[in-house]
Amino acid sequence: MKSFTKHELIGVICILLVVGAITGRGMVMSLLRARDSQRMSDLGAVSDALEKFHEEYGFFPPAEDGKIKACKGDNFDEVLQKLKVLPQFNRDMFLSGLRGCTWGIDPFENVATDNSYMKTLPRDPQTQKGLAYVYISNGNRFQILAHLEEESDSDIYDAKLAARAIACGSMTCNVGKAYANTPLDTSIEEYEQSLLKNTGGK
């Protein structure tokens, strides 16, 4: 069997390197797209869970440092006992017994009945690299945001949201979900002010 010449061996190595580079990039892009797909799935699932919370309480949980403030705080049992003797539900008192839920660890549930909206709140697939989901809410509306790695995906990537320069951990938020017609390219407060202005303050 004839052995390779030096030039033939170099040629084979070059071909293998090119094929390996192309294959490697393809694998990297596939993993990236899978993570972005997971992010969109997570945002949708959290959005649905928030809607269920709203159906039961009539408002969305507030935000606390980018987290959903809906988990039992250290004083929750004490607060719950006080709520039980009141003639009507006291929202501020209820919220005083809650803390921000930790993404990827805490469940999202009705703390008064332990009925679960989500067994565990998801976390960004790249949490270990500093990426994070961000929740914003004033009780009437919400925005839940993430960082899309494949920014060239024009069907999902939101350049106007990215221009707000909100940090989703170590990167800028550029994709999200929101309540009803709430836009992502402006703050909830600014949007509600524009609605009041358009309706003459009514």
N, C-alpha and C. Protein backbone atom coordinates (compact mmCIF):
# COMPACT_ATOMS: atom_id res chain seq x y z
N MET A 1 0.86 -1.20 0.00
CA MET A 1 0.00 0.00 0.00
C MET A 1 0.89 1.25 0.00
N LYS A 2 0.61 2.14 -0.92
CA LYS A 2 1.41 3.36 -1.06
C LYS A 2 1.09 4.33 0.07
N SER A 3 2.14 4.87 0.69
CA SER A 3 1.94 5.83 1.78
C SER A 3 1.75 7.23 1.22
N PHE A 4 1.16 8.10 2.04
CA PHE A 4 0.94 9.49 1.63
C PHE A 4 2.26 10.23 1.54
N THR A 5 2.34 11.12 0.56
CA THR A 5 3.49 12.02 0.52
C THR A 5 3.24 13.14 1.53
N LYS A 6 4.28 13.89 1.76
CA LYS A 6 4.17 14.99 2.72
C LYS A 6 3.10 15.98 2.28
N HIS A 7 3.05 16.31 1.01
CA HIS A 7 2.08 17.28 0.48
C HIS A 7 0.66 16.72 0.56
N GLU A 8 0.51 15.44 0.26
CA GLU A 8 -0.82 14.82 0.34
C GLU A 8 -1.33 14.79 1.78
N LEU A 9 -0.42 14.50 2.71
CA LEU A 9 -0.80 14.46 4.12
C LEU A 9 -1.24 15.84 4.60
N ILE A 10 -0.52 16.86 4.19
CA ILE A 10 -0.89 18.24 4.56
C ILE A 10 -2.25 18.59 3.98
N GLY A 11 -2.51 18.15 2.74
CA GLY A 11 -3.80 18.42 2.09
C GLY A 11 -4.94 17.76 2.84
N VAL A 12 -4.73 16.49 3.23
CA VAL A 12 -5.77 15.76 3.98
C VAL A 12 -6.05 16.45 5.32
N ILE A 13 -4.99 16.87 6.01
CA ILE A 13 -5.15 17.55 7.30
C ILE A 13 -5.93 18.85 7.14
N CYS A 14 -5.63 19.59 6.08
CA CYS A 14 -6.33 20.86 5.82
C CYS A 14 -7.81 20.62 5.57
N ILE A 15 -8.12 19.58 4.79
CA ILE A 15 -9.52 19.25 4.51
C ILE A 15 -10.25 18.87 5.80
N LEU A 16 -9.59 18.06 6.61
CA LEU A 16 -10.20 17.65 7.88
C LEU A 16 -10.43 18.85 8.81
N LEU A 17 -9.48 19.78 8.82
CA LEU A 17 -9.63 20.97 9.65
C LEU A 17 -10.81 21.82 9.20
N VAL A 18 -10.95 21.98 7.88
CA VAL A 18 -12.06 22.77 7.33
C VAL A 18 -13.40 22.11 7.65
N VAL A 19 -13.48 20.80 7.41
CA VAL A 19 -14.71 20.05 7.70
C VAL A 19 -15.03 20.13 9.19
N GLY A 20 -13.99 19.99 10.04
CA GLY A 20 -14.20 20.07 11.48
C GLY A 20 -14.69 21.43 11.92
N ALA A 21 -14.12 22.48 11.29
CA ALA A 21 -14.53 23.84 11.65
C ALA A 21 -15.99 24.09 11.26
N ILE A 22 -16.36 23.62 10.05
CA ILE A 22 -17.75 23.80 9.59
C ILE A 22 -18.71 23.02 10.49
N THR A 23 -18.36 21.78 10.78
CA THR A 23 -19.20 20.94 11.64
C THR A 23 -19.31 21.53 13.04
N GLY A 24 -18.18 22.00 13.57
CA GLY A 24 -18.17 22.59 14.91
C GLY A 24 -19.04 23.83 14.99
N ARG A 25 -18.96 24.68 13.97
CA ARG A 25 -19.80 25.90 13.97
C ARG A 25 -21.26 25.52 13.88
N GLY A 26 -21.56 24.49 13.09
CA GLY A 26 -22.95 24.05 12.97
C GLY A 26 -23.50 23.57 14.30
N MET A 27 -22.64 22.84 15.04
CA MET A 27 -23.07 22.35 16.35
C MET A 27 -23.27 23.50 17.33
N VAL A 28 -22.38 24.48 17.29
CA VAL A 28 -22.49 25.65 18.16
C VAL A 28 -23.78 26.41 17.88
N MET A 29 -24.09 26.61 16.59
CA MET A 29 -25.31 27.32 16.21
C MET A 29 -26.55 26.54 16.62
N SER A 30 -26.50 25.22 16.50
CA SER A 30 -27.64 24.39 16.89
C SER A 30 -27.91 24.51 18.39
N LEU A 31 -26.83 24.50 19.18
CA LEU A 31 -26.98 24.63 20.63
C LEU A 31 -27.50 26.01 20.99
N LEU A 32 -27.00 27.03 20.30
CA LEU A 32 -27.44 28.41 20.53
C LEU A 32 -28.93 28.54 20.24
N ARG A 33 -29.36 28.01 19.11
CA ARG A 33 -30.78 28.10 18.74
C ARG A 33 -31.65 27.31 19.70
N ALA A 34 -31.15 26.20 20.20
CA ALA A 34 -31.89 25.40 21.17
C ALA A 34 -32.08 26.19 22.47
N ARG A 35 -31.04 26.92 22.88
CA ARG A 35 -31.15 27.73 24.10
C ARG A 35 -32.14 28.87 23.90
N ASP A 36 -32.11 29.50 22.72
CA ASP A 36 -33.05 30.58 22.44
C ASP A 36 -34.49 30.05 22.39
N SER A 37 -34.67 28.87 21.84
CA SER A 37 -35.99 28.25 21.81
C SER A 37 -36.49 27.97 23.22
N GLN A 38 -35.56 27.52 24.08
CA GLN A 38 -35.92 27.27 25.48
C GLN A 38 -36.32 28.55 26.18
N ARG A 39 -35.62 29.63 25.87
CA ARG A 39 -35.95 30.93 26.48
C ARG A 39 -37.37 31.35 26.10
N MET A 40 -37.72 31.22 24.84
CA MET A 40 -39.06 31.62 24.41
C MET A 40 -40.13 30.74 25.05
N SER A 41 -39.82 29.45 25.19
CA SER A 41 -40.74 28.52 25.85
C SER A 41 -40.91 28.90 27.32
N ASP A 42 -39.80 29.24 27.98
CA ASP A 42 -39.84 29.64 29.39
C ASP A 42 -40.67 30.91 29.58
N LEU A 43 -40.44 31.90 28.72
CA LEU A 43 -41.17 33.16 28.84
C LEU A 43 -42.67 32.93 28.66
N GLY A 44 -43.03 32.06 27.73
CA GLY A 44 -44.43 31.75 27.50
C GLY A 44 -45.06 31.05 28.70
N ALA A 45 -44.33 30.11 29.28
CA ALA A 45 -44.84 29.36 30.43
C ALA A 45 -45.01 30.27 31.65
N VAL A 46 -44.04 31.15 31.89
CA VAL A 46 -44.14 32.07 33.02
C VAL A 46 -45.29 33.05 32.80
N SER A 47 -45.44 33.51 31.57
CA SER A 47 -46.53 34.42 31.24
C SER A 47 -47.89 33.77 31.53
N ASP A 48 -48.04 32.50 31.15
CA ASP A 48 -49.29 31.78 31.42
C ASP A 48 -49.52 31.64 32.93
N ALA A 49 -48.46 31.37 33.68
CA ALA A 49 -48.58 31.22 35.13
C ALA A 49 -48.97 32.55 35.77
N LEU A 50 -48.43 33.65 35.28
CA LEU A 50 -48.78 34.97 35.80
C LEU A 50 -50.24 35.28 35.55
N GLU A 51 -50.75 34.86 34.41
CA GLU A 51 -52.18 35.05 34.09
C GLU A 51 -53.05 34.30 35.10
N LYS A 52 -52.63 33.10 35.47
CA LYS A 52 -53.39 32.32 36.46
C LYS A 52 -53.38 33.00 37.82
N PHE A 53 -52.22 33.56 38.19
CA PHE A 53 -52.13 34.32 39.45
C PHE A 53 -53.11 35.48 39.41
N HIS A 54 -53.14 36.18 38.28
CA HIS A 54 -54.02 37.34 38.11
C HIS A 54 -55.49 36.95 38.22
N GLU A 55 -55.84 35.79 37.69
CA GLU A 55 -57.22 35.32 37.76
C GLU A 55 -57.65 35.11 39.22
N GLU A 56 -56.72 34.69 40.06
CA GLU A 56 -57.05 34.41 41.45
C GLU A 56 -57.00 35.64 42.35
N TYR A 57 -56.06 36.54 42.07
CA TYR A 57 -55.86 37.68 42.96
C TYR A 57 -56.33 39.02 42.38
N GLY A 58 -56.50 39.10 41.09
CA GLY A 58 -56.93 40.36 40.50
C GLY A 58 -55.79 41.33 40.23
N PHE A 59 -54.57 40.92 40.43
CA PHE A 59 -53.39 41.73 40.13
C PHE A 59 -52.22 40.80 39.87
N PHE A 60 -51.16 41.34 39.28
CA PHE A 60 -49.95 40.57 39.06
C PHE A 60 -49.00 40.77 40.24
N PRO A 61 -48.20 39.76 40.58
CA PRO A 61 -47.25 39.96 41.67
C PRO A 61 -46.27 41.07 41.31
N PRO A 62 -45.85 41.86 42.31
CA PRO A 62 -44.89 42.92 42.02
C PRO A 62 -43.53 42.34 41.67
N ALA A 63 -42.66 43.20 41.18
CA ALA A 63 -41.29 42.80 40.86
C ALA A 63 -40.37 43.20 42.01
N GLU A 64 -39.34 42.40 42.23
CA GLU A 64 -38.34 42.70 43.25
C GLU A 64 -36.98 42.29 42.72
N ASP A 65 -36.18 43.26 42.33
CA ASP A 65 -34.85 43.01 41.77
C ASP A 65 -34.91 42.05 40.59
N GLY A 66 -35.89 42.24 39.71
CA GLY A 66 -36.02 41.40 38.52
C GLY A 66 -36.68 40.06 38.77
N LYS A 67 -37.10 39.82 40.01
CA LYS A 67 -37.74 38.56 40.36
C LYS A 67 -39.25 38.76 40.56
N ILE A 68 -39.99 37.67 40.53
CA ILE A 68 -41.41 37.69 40.80
C ILE A 68 -41.60 37.60 42.31
N LYS A 69 -42.17 38.63 42.90
CA LYS A 69 -42.36 38.64 44.36
C LYS A 69 -43.64 37.88 44.69
N ALA A 70 -43.50 36.56 44.83
CA ALA A 70 -44.68 35.73 45.08
C ALA A 70 -44.37 34.51 45.95
N CYS A 71 -43.18 34.47 46.53
CA CYS A 71 -42.81 33.34 47.39
C CYS A 71 -42.90 33.74 48.86
N LYS A 72 -43.11 32.75 49.70
CA LYS A 72 -43.29 33.01 51.13
C LYS A 72 -42.03 33.60 51.76
N GLY A 73 -42.23 34.74 52.44
CA GLY A 73 -41.15 35.32 53.20
C GLY A 73 -41.09 34.69 54.59
N ASP A 74 -40.11 35.07 55.37
CA ASP A 74 -39.95 34.50 56.71
C ASP A 74 -41.15 34.80 57.61
N ASN A 75 -41.83 35.91 57.34
CA ASN A 75 -42.96 36.32 58.18
C ASN A 75 -44.32 35.97 57.57
N PHE A 76 -44.32 35.11 56.55
CA PHE A 76 -45.58 34.86 55.83
C PHE A 76 -46.67 34.28 56.72
N ASP A 77 -46.35 33.30 57.55
CA ASP A 77 -47.37 32.67 58.40
C ASP A 77 -48.01 33.69 59.34
N GLU A 78 -47.19 34.58 59.86
CA GLU A 78 -47.70 35.63 60.74
C GLU A 78 -48.64 36.56 59.99
N VAL A 79 -48.24 36.95 58.78
CA VAL A 79 -49.06 37.82 57.94
C VAL A 79 -50.37 37.13 57.57
N LEU A 80 -50.30 35.84 57.24
CA LEU A 80 -51.50 35.10 56.86
C LEU A 80 -52.52 35.05 57.99
N GLN A 81 -52.05 34.87 59.21
CA GLN A 81 -52.96 34.84 60.36
C GLN A 81 -53.67 36.18 60.53
N LYS A 82 -52.95 37.26 60.31
CA LYS A 82 -53.54 38.60 60.41
C LYS A 82 -54.57 38.81 59.30
N LEU A 83 -54.27 38.30 58.12
CA LEU A 83 -55.19 38.46 56.99
C LEU A 83 -56.51 37.73 57.22
N LYS A 84 -56.43 36.60 57.89
CA LYS A 84 -57.61 35.77 58.10
C LYS A 84 -58.67 36.44 58.96
N VAL A 85 -58.26 37.35 59.84
CA VAL A 85 -59.23 38.00 60.73
C VAL A 85 -59.72 39.34 60.20
N LEU A 86 -59.20 39.76 59.06
CA LEU A 86 -59.64 41.02 58.47
C LEU A 86 -60.96 40.83 57.72
N PRO A 87 -61.81 41.83 57.72
CA PRO A 87 -63.10 41.71 57.02
C PRO A 87 -62.95 41.62 55.49
N GLN A 88 -61.86 42.15 54.96
CA GLN A 88 -61.60 42.05 53.53
C GLN A 88 -60.10 41.94 53.27
N PHE A 89 -59.76 41.43 52.09
CA PHE A 89 -58.36 41.19 51.72
C PHE A 89 -57.57 42.48 51.69
N ASN A 90 -56.41 42.47 52.35
CA ASN A 90 -55.52 43.63 52.37
C ASN A 90 -54.30 43.31 51.51
N ARG A 91 -54.27 43.88 50.33
CA ARG A 91 -53.21 43.57 49.37
C ARG A 91 -51.82 43.93 49.88
N ASP A 92 -51.68 45.12 50.45
CA ASP A 92 -50.37 45.56 50.93
C ASP A 92 -49.85 44.65 52.04
N MET A 93 -50.75 44.23 52.93
CA MET A 93 -50.34 43.34 54.01
C MET A 93 -49.92 41.99 53.45
N PHE A 94 -50.68 41.50 52.47
CA PHE A 94 -50.36 40.23 51.83
C PHE A 94 -48.96 40.27 51.20
N LEU A 95 -48.68 41.35 50.48
CA LEU A 95 -47.39 41.47 49.80
C LEU A 95 -46.23 41.62 50.78
N SER A 96 -46.52 42.15 51.98
CA SER A 96 -45.45 42.32 52.97
C SER A 96 -44.92 40.97 53.48
N GLY A 97 -45.67 39.91 53.25
CA GLY A 97 -45.23 38.59 53.67
C GLY A 97 -44.55 37.79 52.57
N LEU A 98 -44.33 38.43 51.44
CA LEU A 98 -43.73 37.75 50.30
C LEU A 98 -42.31 38.24 50.02
N ARG A 99 -41.58 37.42 49.26
CA ARG A 99 -40.23 37.78 48.81
C ARG A 99 -40.10 37.41 47.34
N GLY A 100 -39.04 37.88 46.72
CA GLY A 100 -38.78 37.54 45.33
C GLY A 100 -38.42 36.07 45.18
N CYS A 101 -39.04 35.40 44.22
CA CYS A 101 -38.76 33.98 43.97
C CYS A 101 -37.45 33.85 43.20
N THR A 102 -36.64 32.90 43.60
CA THR A 102 -35.35 32.69 42.93
C THR A 102 -35.55 31.85 41.67
N TRP A 103 -35.11 32.40 40.54
CA TRP A 103 -35.23 31.68 39.26
C TRP A 103 -34.48 30.35 39.34
N GLY A 104 -35.13 29.30 38.87
CA GLY A 104 -34.49 27.99 38.79
C GLY A 104 -34.51 27.22 40.09
N ILE A 105 -35.04 27.80 41.15
CA ILE A 105 -35.06 27.13 42.45
C ILE A 105 -36.47 27.08 43.05
N ASP A 106 -37.09 28.24 43.16
CA ASP A 106 -38.39 28.31 43.83
C ASP A 106 -39.55 27.93 42.92
N PRO A 107 -40.61 27.38 43.52
CA PRO A 107 -41.84 27.15 42.75
C PRO A 107 -42.61 28.47 42.65
N PHE A 108 -43.54 28.55 41.72
CA PHE A 108 -44.44 29.69 41.61
C PHE A 108 -45.82 29.14 41.92
N GLU A 109 -46.35 29.50 43.09
CA GLU A 109 -47.60 28.92 43.53
C GLU A 109 -48.47 29.93 44.25
N ASN A 110 -49.73 29.55 44.45
CA ASN A 110 -50.62 30.34 45.27
C ASN A 110 -50.23 30.05 46.71
N VAL A 111 -49.55 30.97 47.36
CA VAL A 111 -49.00 30.70 48.69
C VAL A 111 -50.08 30.51 49.75
N ALA A 112 -51.28 30.99 49.46
CA ALA A 112 -52.37 30.83 50.43
C ALA A 112 -52.97 29.43 50.39
N THR A 113 -52.91 28.78 49.23
CA THR A 113 -53.51 27.45 49.08
C THR A 113 -52.51 26.39 48.68
N ASP A 114 -51.29 26.79 48.33
CA ASP A 114 -50.23 25.89 47.85
C ASP A 114 -50.56 25.25 46.51
N ASN A 115 -51.56 25.79 45.79
CA ASN A 115 -51.82 25.32 44.43
C ASN A 115 -50.70 25.84 43.53
N SER A 116 -50.11 24.95 42.75
CA SER A 116 -48.92 25.31 41.97
C SER A 116 -49.27 25.85 40.59
N TYR A 117 -48.66 26.99 40.25
CA TYR A 117 -48.72 27.51 38.87
C TYR A 117 -47.57 26.89 38.08
N MET A 118 -46.41 26.81 38.70
CA MET A 118 -45.23 26.18 38.11
C MET A 118 -44.46 25.49 39.22
N LYS A 119 -44.07 24.25 39.01
CA LYS A 119 -43.32 23.51 40.05
C LYS A 119 -42.00 24.19 40.36
N THR A 120 -41.35 24.72 39.34
CA THR A 120 -40.11 25.48 39.53
C THR A 120 -40.05 26.57 38.47
N LEU A 121 -39.80 27.79 38.90
CA LEU A 121 -39.62 28.86 37.94
C LEU A 121 -38.36 28.57 37.12
N PRO A 122 -38.42 28.72 35.81
CA PRO A 122 -37.24 28.42 35.00
C PRO A 122 -36.14 29.48 35.19
N ARG A 123 -34.96 29.14 34.76
CA ARG A 123 -33.88 30.12 34.75
C ARG A 123 -33.24 30.09 33.38
N ASP A 124 -32.52 31.13 33.05
CA ASP A 124 -31.87 31.20 31.74
C ASP A 124 -30.91 30.03 31.55
N PRO A 125 -30.91 29.41 30.36
CA PRO A 125 -30.00 28.28 30.10
C PRO A 125 -28.52 28.61 30.29
N GLN A 126 -28.19 29.89 30.23
CA GLN A 126 -26.80 30.32 30.40
C GLN A 126 -26.62 31.08 31.72
N THR A 127 -27.34 30.67 32.74
CA THR A 127 -27.22 31.31 34.05
C THR A 127 -25.78 31.29 34.53
N GLN A 128 -25.07 30.18 34.28
CA GLN A 128 -23.69 30.06 34.75
C GLN A 128 -22.77 31.06 34.06
N LYS A 129 -23.22 31.62 32.94
CA LYS A 129 -22.44 32.64 32.23
C LYS A 129 -22.97 34.05 32.50
N GLY A 130 -23.86 34.15 33.47
CA GLY A 130 -24.33 35.47 33.90
C GLY A 130 -25.61 35.96 33.29
N LEU A 131 -26.27 35.16 32.44
CA LEU A 131 -27.53 35.60 31.83
C LEU A 131 -28.69 35.32 32.77
N ALA A 132 -29.72 36.16 32.72
CA ALA A 132 -30.84 36.01 33.64
C ALA A 132 -32.13 36.53 33.03
N TYR A 133 -33.25 35.98 33.48
CA TYR A 133 -34.56 36.50 33.12
C TYR A 133 -34.86 37.69 34.03
N VAL A 134 -35.62 38.65 33.52
CA VAL A 134 -35.97 39.84 34.29
C VAL A 134 -37.48 40.05 34.24
N TYR A 135 -38.07 40.23 35.42
CA TYR A 135 -39.51 40.46 35.54
C TYR A 135 -39.75 41.90 35.99
N ILE A 136 -40.67 42.57 35.30
CA ILE A 136 -41.04 43.95 35.62
C ILE A 136 -42.56 43.99 35.74
N SER A 137 -43.07 44.61 36.80
CA SER A 137 -44.52 44.69 36.96
C SER A 137 -44.90 45.82 37.91
N ASN A 138 -46.06 46.42 37.66
CA ASN A 138 -46.62 47.41 38.58
C ASN A 138 -47.93 46.89 39.19
N GLY A 139 -48.20 45.61 39.01
CA GLY A 139 -49.43 45.01 39.52
C GLY A 139 -50.53 44.96 38.50
N ASN A 140 -50.56 45.93 37.58
CA ASN A 140 -51.58 45.97 36.53
C ASN A 140 -51.11 45.29 35.25
N ARG A 141 -49.82 45.37 35.01
CA ARG A 141 -49.23 44.82 33.79
C ARG A 141 -47.88 44.20 34.14
N PHE A 142 -47.35 43.42 33.20
CA PHE A 142 -46.01 42.87 33.41
C PHE A 142 -45.26 42.78 32.10
N GLN A 143 -43.95 42.75 32.22
CA GLN A 143 -43.03 42.45 31.13
C GLN A 143 -42.04 41.43 31.69
N ILE A 144 -41.80 40.37 30.94
CA ILE A 144 -40.77 39.40 31.34
C ILE A 144 -39.78 39.31 30.19
N LEU A 145 -38.50 39.54 30.50
CA LEU A 145 -37.49 39.75 29.47
C LEU A 145 -36.35 38.75 29.54
N ALA A 146 -35.68 38.60 28.40
CA ALA A 146 -34.52 37.70 28.31
C ALA A 146 -33.56 38.22 27.26
N HIS A 147 -32.40 37.59 27.20
CA HIS A 147 -31.41 37.92 26.17
C HIS A 147 -31.38 36.81 25.14
N LEU A 148 -31.65 37.16 23.89
CA LEU A 148 -31.60 36.23 22.77
C LEU A 148 -30.17 36.20 22.24
N GLU A 149 -29.56 35.02 22.20
CA GLU A 149 -28.17 34.92 21.74
C GLU A 149 -28.04 35.16 20.24
N GLU A 150 -28.98 34.62 19.46
CA GLU A 150 -28.91 34.80 18.01
C GLU A 150 -29.63 36.09 17.63
N GLU A 151 -28.92 37.19 17.76
CA GLU A 151 -29.52 38.49 17.53
C GLU A 151 -29.92 38.72 16.08
N SER A 152 -29.41 37.91 15.18
CA SER A 152 -29.75 38.07 13.77
C SER A 152 -31.13 37.52 13.44
N ASP A 153 -31.77 36.84 14.41
CA ASP A 153 -33.10 36.27 14.19
C ASP A 153 -34.13 37.39 14.28
N SER A 154 -34.44 38.02 13.14
CA SER A 154 -35.31 39.19 13.10
C SER A 154 -36.75 38.89 13.47
N ASP A 155 -37.15 37.64 13.41
CA ASP A 155 -38.52 37.29 13.75
C ASP A 155 -38.79 37.37 15.25
N ILE A 156 -37.73 37.28 16.06
CA ILE A 156 -37.90 37.27 17.52
C ILE A 156 -37.16 38.44 18.17
N TYR A 157 -35.97 38.70 17.69
CA TYR A 157 -35.13 39.77 18.25
C TYR A 157 -35.85 41.11 18.21
N ASP A 158 -35.84 41.83 19.32
CA ASP A 158 -36.55 43.12 19.43
C ASP A 158 -35.53 44.24 19.62
N ALA A 159 -35.21 44.92 18.53
CA ALA A 159 -34.20 45.98 18.58
C ALA A 159 -34.65 47.15 19.46
N LYS A 160 -35.95 47.44 19.46
CA LYS A 160 -36.46 48.56 20.27
C LYS A 160 -36.34 48.24 21.76
N LEU A 161 -36.58 47.00 22.11
CA LEU A 161 -36.40 46.59 23.51
C LEU A 161 -34.92 46.68 23.86
N ALA A 162 -34.06 46.21 22.98
CA ALA A 162 -32.62 46.26 23.22
C ALA A 162 -32.15 47.70 23.45
N ALA A 163 -32.80 48.65 22.76
CA ALA A 163 -32.41 50.06 22.90
C ALA A 163 -32.71 50.61 24.29
N ARG A 164 -33.59 49.94 25.05
CA ARG A 164 -33.87 50.38 26.42
C ARG A 164 -32.70 50.06 27.36
N ALA A 165 -31.80 49.20 26.90
CA ALA A 165 -30.58 48.86 27.65
C ALA A 165 -30.86 48.31 29.04
N ILE A 166 -31.86 47.43 29.15
CA ILE A 166 -32.15 46.76 30.41
C ILE A 166 -31.25 45.54 30.50
N ALA A 167 -30.60 45.36 31.63
CA ALA A 167 -29.66 44.24 31.80
C ALA A 167 -30.40 42.96 32.16
N CYS A 168 -30.22 41.94 31.31
CA CYS A 168 -30.68 40.59 31.63
C CYS A 168 -29.44 39.83 32.11
N GLY A 169 -29.01 40.17 33.31
CA GLY A 169 -27.75 39.64 33.81
C GLY A 169 -26.60 40.38 33.16
N SER A 170 -25.71 39.63 32.53
CA SER A 170 -24.50 40.22 31.94
C SER A 170 -24.72 40.76 30.52
N MET A 171 -25.91 40.55 29.96
CA MET A 171 -26.19 41.01 28.59
C MET A 171 -27.47 41.85 28.57
N THR A 172 -27.72 42.51 27.45
CA THR A 172 -28.89 43.37 27.31
C THR A 172 -30.12 42.56 26.91
N CYS A 173 -31.24 42.83 27.55
CA CYS A 173 -32.50 42.16 27.20
C CYS A 173 -32.89 42.57 25.78
N ASN A 174 -33.28 41.59 24.97
CA ASN A 174 -33.68 41.90 23.59
C ASN A 174 -34.85 41.05 23.10
N VAL A 175 -35.53 40.40 24.03
CA VAL A 175 -36.72 39.62 23.67
C VAL A 175 -37.59 39.52 24.93
N GLY A 176 -38.89 39.39 24.76
CA GLY A 176 -39.73 39.31 25.95
C GLY A 176 -41.18 39.01 25.65
N LYS A 177 -41.94 38.89 26.73
CA LYS A 177 -43.39 38.71 26.69
C LYS A 177 -43.99 39.76 27.62
N ALA A 178 -45.22 40.16 27.33
CA ALA A 178 -45.86 41.17 28.16
C ALA A 178 -47.36 40.90 28.24
N TYR A 179 -47.98 41.51 29.22
CA TYR A 179 -49.42 41.36 29.41
C TYR A 179 -50.20 42.08 28.33
N ALA A 180 -51.15 41.37 27.72
CA ALA A 180 -52.06 41.94 26.73
C ALA A 180 -51.30 42.76 25.68
N ASN A 181 -51.69 44.03 25.52
CA ASN A 181 -51.07 44.87 24.49
C ASN A 181 -49.90 45.71 25.00
N THR A 182 -49.44 45.41 26.20
CA THR A 182 -48.32 46.17 26.76
C THR A 182 -47.09 46.03 25.87
N PRO A 183 -46.56 47.14 25.36
CA PRO A 183 -45.37 47.04 24.48
C PRO A 183 -44.11 46.76 25.30
N LEU A 184 -43.08 46.28 24.62
CA LEU A 184 -41.80 46.01 25.27
C LEU A 184 -40.79 47.13 25.06
N ASP A 185 -41.10 48.06 24.14
CA ASP A 185 -40.13 49.10 23.81
C ASP A 185 -40.25 50.34 24.69
N THR A 186 -41.11 50.26 25.71
CA THR A 186 -41.25 51.37 26.64
C THR A 186 -41.56 50.82 28.03
N SER A 187 -41.39 51.64 29.04
CA SER A 187 -41.69 51.17 30.40
C SER A 187 -43.20 51.08 30.59
N ILE A 188 -43.61 50.28 31.56
CA ILE A 188 -45.04 50.13 31.85
C ILE A 188 -45.63 51.48 32.27
N GLU A 189 -44.90 52.23 33.07
CA GLU A 189 -45.38 53.52 33.55
C GLU A 189 -45.60 54.49 32.39
N GLU A 190 -44.63 54.54 31.46
CA GLU A 190 -44.76 55.44 30.31
C GLU A 190 -45.94 55.02 29.44
N TYR A 191 -46.14 53.72 29.28
CA TYR A 191 -47.25 53.24 28.46
C TYR A 191 -48.59 53.61 29.10
N GLU A 192 -48.71 53.44 30.40
CA GLU A 192 -49.97 53.77 31.07
C GLU A 192 -50.24 55.27 31.03
N GLN A 193 -49.18 56.06 31.12
CA GLN A 193 -49.34 57.52 31.02
C GLN A 193 -49.84 57.91 29.63
N SER A 194 -49.32 57.21 28.60
CA SER A 194 -49.77 57.51 27.24
C SER A 194 -51.22 57.13 27.04
N LEU A 195 -51.66 56.04 27.70
CA LEU A 195 -53.07 55.65 27.62
C LEU A 195 -53.97 56.68 28.27
N LEU A 196 -53.53 57.20 29.42
CA LEU A 196 -54.32 58.23 30.10
C LEU A 196 -54.39 59.50 29.26
N LYS A 197 -53.27 59.84 28.62
CA LYS A 197 -53.23 61.04 27.79
C LYS A 197 -54.17 60.91 26.60
N ASN A 198 -54.19 59.71 26.01
CA ASN A 198 -55.03 59.48 24.83
C ASN A 198 -56.51 59.43 25.17
N THR A 199 -56.83 59.12 26.43
CA THR A 199 -58.24 59.06 26.84
C THR A 199 -58.65 60.28 27.64
N GLY A 200 -57.80 61.29 27.65
CA GLY A 200 -58.12 62.52 28.36
C GLY A 200 -58.09 62.38 29.86
N GLY A 201 -57.29 61.41 30.33
CA GLY A 201 -57.17 61.23 31.77
C GLY A 201 -58.26 60.41 32.40
N LYS A 202 -59.13 59.82 31.58
CA LYS A 202 -60.23 59.01 32.08
C LYS A 202 -59.78 57.58 32.30
